[in-house]
Amino acid sequence: MDKKKQTKNMSIDMTIEEQLLKIQEIAAELENGSLGLEEALAKYEEGVRLVRGCAGQIDRVQKRITVIETETEDEL
């Protein structure tokens, strides 16, 4: 399995908290400046995928909250 698919599948299995921790780790590695160009680019791509995964999870939660609020308002 290539690295992109591996990271995408990994982010699906991770909680948002785990993804945020991984993003922090990646940011620290990139800020350290010790990575080579290709490795830094791969880490950056992984970070972007994780950020997108977090954004997707947040969007889904916001939609669920909206549905719950609407259902609650309808019941009142």
PDB file of N, CA and C in Angstrom:
ATOM      1  N   MET A   1       0.869  -1.178   0.000  1.00  0.00           N
ATOM      2  CA  MET A   1       0.000   0.000   0.000  1.00  0.00           C
ATOM      3  C   MET A   1       0.907   1.231   0.000  1.00  0.00           C
ATOM      4  N   ASP A   2       0.612   2.215  -0.846  1.00  0.00           N
ATOM      5  CA  ASP A   2       1.464   3.395  -0.867  1.00  0.00           C
ATOM      6  C   ASP A   2       1.211   4.279   0.350  1.00  0.00           C
ATOM      7  N   LYS A   3       2.148   5.201   0.584  1.00  0.00           N
ATOM      8  CA  LYS A   3       2.125   6.018   1.804  1.00  0.00           C
ATOM      9  C   LYS A   3       0.871   6.886   1.891  1.00  0.00           C
ATOM     10  N   LYS A   4       0.393   7.438   0.756  1.00  0.00           N
ATOM     11  CA  LYS A   4      -0.802   8.291   0.775  1.00  0.00           C
ATOM     12  C   LYS A   4      -2.027   7.508   1.237  1.00  0.00           C
ATOM     13  N   LYS A   5      -2.228   6.307   0.676  1.00  0.00           N
ATOM     14  CA  LYS A   5      -3.380   5.491   1.062  1.00  0.00           C
ATOM     15  C   LYS A   5      -3.261   5.067   2.518  1.00  0.00           C
ATOM     16  N   GLN A   6      -2.032   4.759   2.930  1.00  0.00           N
ATOM     17  CA  GLN A   6      -1.799   4.344   4.305  1.00  0.00           C
ATOM     18  C   GLN A   6      -2.185   5.467   5.269  1.00  0.00           C
ATOM     19  N   THR A   7      -1.752   6.695   4.974  1.00  0.00           N
ATOM     20  CA  THR A   7      -2.061   7.840   5.832  1.00  0.00           C
ATOM     21  C   THR A   7      -3.549   8.135   5.806  1.00  0.00           C
ATOM     22  N   LYS A   8      -4.183   8.043   4.628  1.00  0.00           N
ATOM     23  CA  LYS A   8      -5.617   8.306   4.535  1.00  0.00           C
ATOM     24  C   LYS A   8      -6.390   7.302   5.378  1.00  0.00           C
ATOM     25  N   ASN A   9      -6.047   6.031   5.257  1.00  0.00           N
ATOM     26  CA  ASN A   9      -6.716   4.999   6.050  1.00  0.00           C
ATOM     27  C   ASN A   9      -6.439   5.190   7.530  1.00  0.00           C
ATOM     28  N   MET A  10      -5.215   5.587   7.859  1.00  0.00           N
ATOM     29  CA  MET A  10      -4.860   5.800   9.252  1.00  0.00           C
ATOM     30  C   MET A  10      -5.698   6.926   9.845  1.00  0.00           C
ATOM     31  N   SER A  11      -5.891   8.020   9.089  1.00  0.00           N
ATOM     32  CA  SER A  11      -6.651   9.149   9.621  1.00  0.00           C
ATOM     33  C   SER A  11      -8.123   8.788   9.825  1.00  0.00           C
ATOM     34  N   ILE A  12      -8.643   7.870   9.046  1.00  0.00           N
ATOM     35  CA  ILE A  12     -10.028   7.424   9.206  1.00  0.00           C
ATOM     36  C   ILE A  12     -10.184   6.676  10.530  1.00  0.00           C
ATOM     37  N   ASP A  13      -9.167   5.910  10.905  1.00  0.00           N
ATOM     38  CA  ASP A  13      -9.216   5.111  12.129  1.00  0.00           C
ATOM     39  C   ASP A  13      -8.857   5.908  13.380  1.00  0.00           C
ATOM     40  N   MET A  14      -8.334   7.114  13.219  1.00  0.00           N
ATOM     41  CA  MET A  14      -7.881   7.913  14.357  1.00  0.00           C
ATOM     42  C   MET A  14      -8.994   8.834  14.853  1.00  0.00           C
ATOM     43  N   THR A  15      -9.010   9.052  16.160  1.00  0.00           N
ATOM     44  CA  THR A  15      -9.930  10.053  16.700  1.00  0.00           C
ATOM     45  C   THR A  15      -9.398  11.428  16.329  1.00  0.00           C
ATOM     46  N   ILE A  16     -10.241  12.433  16.466  1.00  0.00           N
ATOM     47  CA  ILE A  16      -9.792  13.784  16.146  1.00  0.00           C
ATOM     48  C   ILE A  16      -8.658  14.201  17.087  1.00  0.00           C
ATOM     49  N   GLU A  17      -8.721  13.751  18.332  1.00  0.00           N
ATOM     50  CA  GLU A  17      -7.660  14.074  19.287  1.00  0.00           C
ATOM     51  C   GLU A  17      -6.328  13.453  18.856  1.00  0.00           C
ATOM     52  N   GLU A  18      -6.378  12.205  18.387  1.00  0.00           N
ATOM     53  CA  GLU A  18      -5.166  11.539  17.898  1.00  0.00           C
ATOM     54  C   GLU A  18      -4.621  12.238  16.658  1.00  0.00           C
ATOM     55  N   GLN A  19      -5.524  12.661  15.776  1.00  0.00           N
ATOM     56  CA  GLN A  19      -5.091  13.371  14.579  1.00  0.00           C
ATOM     57  C   GLN A  19      -4.425  14.696  14.937  1.00  0.00           C
ATOM     58  N   LEU A  20      -5.001  15.416  15.896  1.00  0.00           N
ATOM     59  CA  LEU A  20      -4.418  16.694  16.307  1.00  0.00           C
ATOM     60  C   LEU A  20      -3.039  16.499  16.931  1.00  0.00           C
ATOM     61  N   LEU A  21      -2.870  15.452  17.721  1.00  0.00           N
ATOM     62  CA  LEU A  21      -1.549  15.157  18.286  1.00  0.00           C
ATOM     63  C   LEU A  21      -0.537  14.859  17.183  1.00  0.00           C
ATOM     64  N   LYS A  22      -0.958  14.078  16.189  1.00  0.00           N
ATOM     65  CA  LYS A  22      -0.071  13.746  15.068  1.00  0.00           C
ATOM     66  C   LYS A  22       0.288  15.002  14.283  1.00  0.00           C
ATOM     67  N   ILE A  23      -0.673  15.897  14.086  1.00  0.00           N
ATOM     68  CA  ILE A  23      -0.403  17.161  13.391  1.00  0.00           C
ATOM     69  C   ILE A  23       0.633  17.964  14.166  1.00  0.00           C
ATOM     70  N   GLN A  24       0.511  17.998  15.493  1.00  0.00           N
ATOM     71  CA  GLN A  24       1.489  18.713  16.319  1.00  0.00           C
ATOM     72  C   GLN A  24       2.880  18.098  16.186  1.00  0.00           C
ATOM     73  N   GLU A  25       2.946  16.769  16.161  1.00  0.00           N
ATOM     74  CA  GLU A  25       4.229  16.086  15.989  1.00  0.00           C
ATOM     75  C   GLU A  25       4.856  16.445  14.644  1.00  0.00           C
ATOM     76  N   ILE A  26       4.041  16.428  13.605  1.00  0.00           N
ATOM     77  CA  ILE A  26       4.532  16.749  12.264  1.00  0.00           C
ATOM     78  C   ILE A  26       5.023  18.193  12.216  1.00  0.00           C
ATOM     79  N   ALA A  27       4.260  19.107  12.804  1.00  0.00           N
ATOM     80  CA  ALA A  27       4.658  20.517  12.823  1.00  0.00           C
ATOM     81  C   ALA A  27       5.998  20.684  13.531  1.00  0.00           C
ATOM     82  N   ALA A  28       6.182  19.987  14.642  1.00  0.00           N
ATOM     83  CA  ALA A  28       7.448  20.073  15.380  1.00  0.00           C
ATOM     84  C   ALA A  28       8.605  19.550  14.531  1.00  0.00           C
ATOM     85  N   GLU A  29       8.381  18.442  13.824  1.00  0.00           N
ATOM     86  CA  GLU A  29       9.419  17.887  12.952  1.00  0.00           C
ATOM     87  C   GLU A  29       9.779  18.866  11.839  1.00  0.00           C
ATOM     88  N   LEU A  30       8.764  19.485  11.252  1.00  0.00           N
ATOM     89  CA  LEU A  30       9.014  20.439  10.169  1.00  0.00           C
ATOM     90  C   LEU A  30       9.729  21.682  10.684  1.00  0.00           C
ATOM     91  N   GLU A  31       9.340  22.155  11.863  1.00  0.00           N
ATOM     92  CA  GLU A  31       9.967  23.340  12.441  1.00  0.00           C
ATOM     93  C   GLU A  31      11.405  23.071  12.864  1.00  0.00           C
ATOM     94  N   ASN A  32      11.699  21.837  13.215  1.00  0.00           N
ATOM     95  CA  ASN A  32      13.042  21.442  13.629  1.00  0.00           C
ATOM     96  C   ASN A  32      14.051  21.685  12.512  1.00  0.00           C
ATOM     97  N   GLY A  33      13.628  21.468  11.279  1.00  0.00           N
ATOM     98  CA  GLY A  33      14.486  21.728  10.130  1.00  0.00           C
ATOM     99  C   GLY A  33      15.493  20.642   9.831  1.00  0.00           C
ATOM    100  N   SER A  34      15.387  19.496  10.477  1.00  0.00           N
ATOM    101  CA  SER A  34      16.374  18.434  10.276  1.00  0.00           C
ATOM    102  C   SER A  34      15.987  17.451   9.170  1.00  0.00           C
ATOM    103  N   LEU A  35      14.780  17.582   8.637  1.00  0.00           N
ATOM    104  CA  LEU A  35      14.316  16.665   7.593  1.00  0.00           C
ATOM    105  C   LEU A  35      14.860  17.090   6.239  1.00  0.00           C
ATOM    106  N   GLY A  36      15.097  16.104   5.394  1.00  0.00           N
ATOM    107  CA  GLY A  36      15.445  16.398   4.019  1.00  0.00           C
ATOM    108  C   GLY A  36      14.222  16.907   3.270  1.00  0.00           C
ATOM    109  N   LEU A  37      14.434  17.426   2.084  1.00  0.00           N
ATOM    110  CA  LEU A  37      13.356  18.029   1.308  1.00  0.00           C
ATOM    111  C   LEU A  37      12.220  17.050   1.033  1.00  0.00           C
ATOM    112  N   GLU A  38      12.541  15.865   0.552  1.00  0.00           N
ATOM    113  CA  GLU A  38      11.498  14.884   0.213  1.00  0.00           C
ATOM    114  C   GLU A  38      10.740  14.423   1.452  1.00  0.00           C
ATOM    115  N   GLU A  39      11.473  14.191   2.540  1.00  0.00           N
ATOM    116  CA  GLU A  39      10.815  13.757   3.772  1.00  0.00           C
ATOM    117  C   GLU A  39       9.939  14.874   4.336  1.00  0.00           C
ATOM    118  N   ALA A  40      10.427  16.111   4.257  1.00  0.00           N
ATOM    119  CA  ALA A  40       9.637  17.255   4.732  1.00  0.00           C
ATOM    120  C   ALA A  40       8.362  17.396   3.907  1.00  0.00           C
ATOM    121  N   LEU A  41       8.474  17.221   2.603  1.00  0.00           N
ATOM    122  CA  LEU A  41       7.300  17.307   1.736  1.00  0.00           C
ATOM    123  C   LEU A  41       6.299  16.204   2.076  1.00  0.00           C
ATOM    124  N   ALA A  42       6.786  14.994   2.301  1.00  0.00           N
ATOM    125  CA  ALA A  42       5.899  13.881   2.664  1.00  0.00           C
ATOM    126  C   ALA A  42       5.200  14.161   3.995  1.00  0.00           C
ATOM    127  N   LYS A  43       5.934  14.693   4.962  1.00  0.00           N
ATOM    128  CA  LYS A  43       5.334  15.039   6.259  1.00  0.00           C
ATOM    129  C   LYS A  43       4.288  16.136   6.085  1.00  0.00           C
ATOM    130  N   TYR A  44       4.603  17.132   5.256  1.00  0.00           N
ATOM    131  CA  TYR A  44       3.661  18.221   4.999  1.00  0.00           C
ATOM    132  C   TYR A  44       2.370  17.669   4.395  1.00  0.00           C
ATOM    133  N   GLU A  45       2.506  16.792   3.399  1.00  0.00           N
ATOM    134  CA  GLU A  45       1.330  16.185   2.766  1.00  0.00           C
ATOM    135  C   GLU A  45       0.510  15.396   3.782  1.00  0.00           C
ATOM    136  N   GLU A  46       1.189  14.653   4.648  1.00  0.00           N
ATOM    137  CA  GLU A  46       0.490  13.889   5.686  1.00  0.00           C
ATOM    138  C   GLU A  46      -0.267  14.838   6.616  1.00  0.00           C
ATOM    139  N   GLY A  47       0.378  15.938   6.984  1.00  0.00           N
ATOM    140  CA  GLY A  47      -0.265  16.927   7.849  1.00  0.00           C
ATOM    141  C   GLY A  47      -1.503  17.527   7.209  1.00  0.00           C
ATOM    142  N   VAL A  48      -1.407  17.841   5.928  1.00  0.00           N
ATOM    143  CA  VAL A  48      -2.556  18.415   5.214  1.00  0.00           C
ATOM    144  C   VAL A  48      -3.708  17.416   5.190  1.00  0.00           C
ATOM    145  N   ARG A  49      -3.417  16.142   4.925  1.00  0.00           N
ATOM    146  CA  ARG A  49      -4.470  15.115   4.920  1.00  0.00           C
ATOM    147  C   ARG A  49      -5.116  14.994   6.298  1.00  0.00           C
ATOM    148  N   LEU A  50      -4.304  15.056   7.341  1.00  0.00           N
ATOM    149  CA  LEU A  50      -4.848  14.968   8.693  1.00  0.00           C
ATOM    150  C   LEU A  50      -5.722  16.176   9.019  1.00  0.00           C
ATOM    151  N   VAL A  51      -5.283  17.361   8.615  1.00  0.00           N
ATOM    152  CA  VAL A  51      -6.086  18.574   8.846  1.00  0.00           C
ATOM    153  C   VAL A  51      -7.421  18.459   8.122  1.00  0.00           C
ATOM    154  N   ARG A  52      -7.385  17.975   6.892  1.00  0.00           N
ATOM    155  CA  ARG A  52      -8.639  17.788   6.145  1.00  0.00           C
ATOM    156  C   ARG A  52      -9.536  16.761   6.826  1.00  0.00           C
ATOM    157  N   GLY A  53      -8.930  15.706   7.358  1.00  0.00           N
ATOM    158  CA  GLY A  53      -9.706  14.702   8.089  1.00  0.00           C
ATOM    159  C   GLY A  53     -10.370  15.297   9.317  1.00  0.00           C
ATOM    160  N   CYS A  54      -9.634  16.137  10.038  1.00  0.00           N
ATOM    161  CA  CYS A  54     -10.200  16.812  11.216  1.00  0.00           C
ATOM    162  C   CYS A  54     -11.352  17.723  10.804  1.00  0.00           C
ATOM    163  N   ALA A  55     -11.148  18.471   9.734  1.00  0.00           N
ATOM    164  CA  ALA A  55     -12.196  19.383   9.260  1.00  0.00           C
ATOM    165  C   ALA A  55     -13.452  18.600   8.887  1.00  0.00           C
ATOM    166  N   GLY A  56     -13.277  17.450   8.248  1.00  0.00           N
ATOM    167  CA  GLY A  56     -14.419  16.612   7.892  1.00  0.00           C
ATOM    168  C   GLY A  56     -15.155  16.101   9.118  1.00  0.00           C
ATOM    169  N   GLN A  57     -14.394  15.685  10.124  1.00  0.00           N
ATOM    170  CA  GLN A  57     -15.029  15.210  11.359  1.00  0.00           C
ATOM    171  C   GLN A  57     -15.785  16.339  12.047  1.00  0.00           C
ATOM    172  N   ILE A  58     -15.194  17.519  12.083  1.00  0.00           N
ATOM    173  CA  ILE A  58     -15.856  18.673  12.707  1.00  0.00           C
ATOM    174  C   ILE A  58     -17.134  19.019  11.954  1.00  0.00           C
ATOM    175  N   ASP A  59     -17.082  18.994  10.623  1.00  0.00           N
ATOM    176  CA  ASP A  59     -18.285  19.267   9.819  1.00  0.00           C
ATOM    177  C   ASP A  59     -19.396  18.273  10.135  1.00  0.00           C
ATOM    178  N   ARG A  60     -19.037  16.980  10.240  1.00  0.00           N
ATOM    179  CA  ARG A  60     -20.046  15.957  10.543  1.00  0.00           C
ATOM    180  C   ARG A  60     -20.660  16.185  11.923  1.00  0.00           C
ATOM    181  N   VAL A  61     -19.837  16.547  12.884  1.00  0.00           N
ATOM    182  CA  VAL A  61     -20.348  16.806  14.235  1.00  0.00           C
ATOM    183  C   VAL A  61     -21.264  18.025  14.232  1.00  0.00           C
ATOM    184  N   GLN A  62     -20.870  19.081  13.506  1.00  0.00           N
ATOM    185  CA  GLN A  62     -21.714  20.281  13.431  1.00  0.00           C
ATOM    186  C   GLN A  62     -23.068  19.955  12.815  1.00  0.00           C
ATOM    187  N   LYS A  63     -23.075  19.122  11.792  1.00  0.00           N
ATOM    188  CA  LYS A  63     -24.342  18.731  11.165  1.00  0.00           C
ATOM    189  C   LYS A  63     -25.205  17.929  12.132  1.00  0.00           C
ATOM    190  N   ARG A  64     -24.589  17.034  12.891  1.00  0.00           N
ATOM    191  CA  ARG A  64     -25.344  16.257  13.883  1.00  0.00           C
ATOM    192  C   ARG A  64     -25.941  17.173  14.940  1.00  0.00           C
ATOM    193  N   ILE A  65     -25.174  18.168  15.375  1.00  0.00           N
ATOM    194  CA  ILE A  65     -25.668  19.120  16.375  1.00  0.00           C
ATOM    195  C   ILE A  65     -26.858  19.886  15.819  1.00  0.00           C
ATOM    196  N   THR A  66     -26.773  20.311  14.563  1.00  0.00           N
ATOM    197  CA  THR A  66     -27.876  21.032  13.935  1.00  0.00           C
ATOM    198  C   THR A  66     -29.129  20.166  13.896  1.00  0.00           C
ATOM    199  N   VAL A  67     -28.973  18.897  13.536  1.00  0.00           N
ATOM    200  CA  VAL A  67     -30.114  17.977  13.494  1.00  0.00           C
ATOM    201  C   VAL A  67     -30.712  17.819  14.888  1.00  0.00           C
ATOM    202  N   ILE A  68     -29.870  17.628  15.884  1.00  0.00           N
ATOM    203  CA  ILE A  68     -30.352  17.467  17.260  1.00  0.00           C
ATOM    204  C   ILE A  68     -31.086  18.721  17.718  1.00  0.00           C
ATOM    205  N   GLU A  69     -30.530  19.889  17.428  1.00  0.00           N
ATOM    206  CA  GLU A  69     -31.184  21.143  17.820  1.00  0.00           C
ATOM    207  C   GLU A  69     -32.530  21.298  17.133  1.00  0.00           C
ATOM    208  N   THR A  70     -32.594  20.956  15.847  1.00  0.00           N
ATOM    209  CA  THR A  70     -33.842  21.056  15.095  1.00  0.00           C
ATOM    210  C   THR A  70     -34.886  20.105  15.666  1.00  0.00           C
ATOM    211  N   GLU A  71     -34.468  18.874  15.958  1.00  0.00           N
ATOM    212  CA  GLU A  71     -35.402  17.900  16.535  1.00  0.00           C
ATOM    213  C   GLU A  71     -35.901  18.370  17.893  1.00  0.00           C
ATOM    214  N   THR A  72     -35.019  18.940  18.680  1.00  0.00           N
ATOM    215  CA  THR A  72     -35.391  19.428  20.009  1.00  0.00           C
ATOM    216  C   THR A  72     -36.369  20.587  19.899  1.00  0.00           C
ATOM    217  N   GLU A  73     -36.137  21.498  18.958  1.00  0.00           N
ATOM    218  CA  GLU A  73     -37.040  22.637  18.757  1.00  0.00           C
ATOM    219  C   GLU A  73     -38.414  22.159  18.304  1.00  0.00           C
ATOM    220  N   ASP A  74     -38.439  21.139  17.446  1.00  0.00           N
ATOM    221  CA  ASP A  74     -39.708  20.597  16.952  1.00  0.00           C
ATOM    222  C   ASP A  74     -40.518  19.950  18.071  1.00  0.00           C
ATOM    223  N   GLU A  75     -39.826  19.391  19.054  1.00  0.00           N
ATOM    224  CA  GLU A  75     -40.508  18.725  20.163  1.00  0.00           C
ATOM    225  C   GLU A  75     -41.100  19.718  21.153  1.00  0.00           C
ATOM    226  N   LEU A  76     -40.566  20.926  21.178  1.00  0.00           N
ATOM    227  CA  LEU A  76     -41.046  21.917  22.163  1.00  0.00           C
ATOM    228  C   LEU A  76     -42.318  22.571  21.747  1.00  0.00           C
TER     229      LEU A  76
END
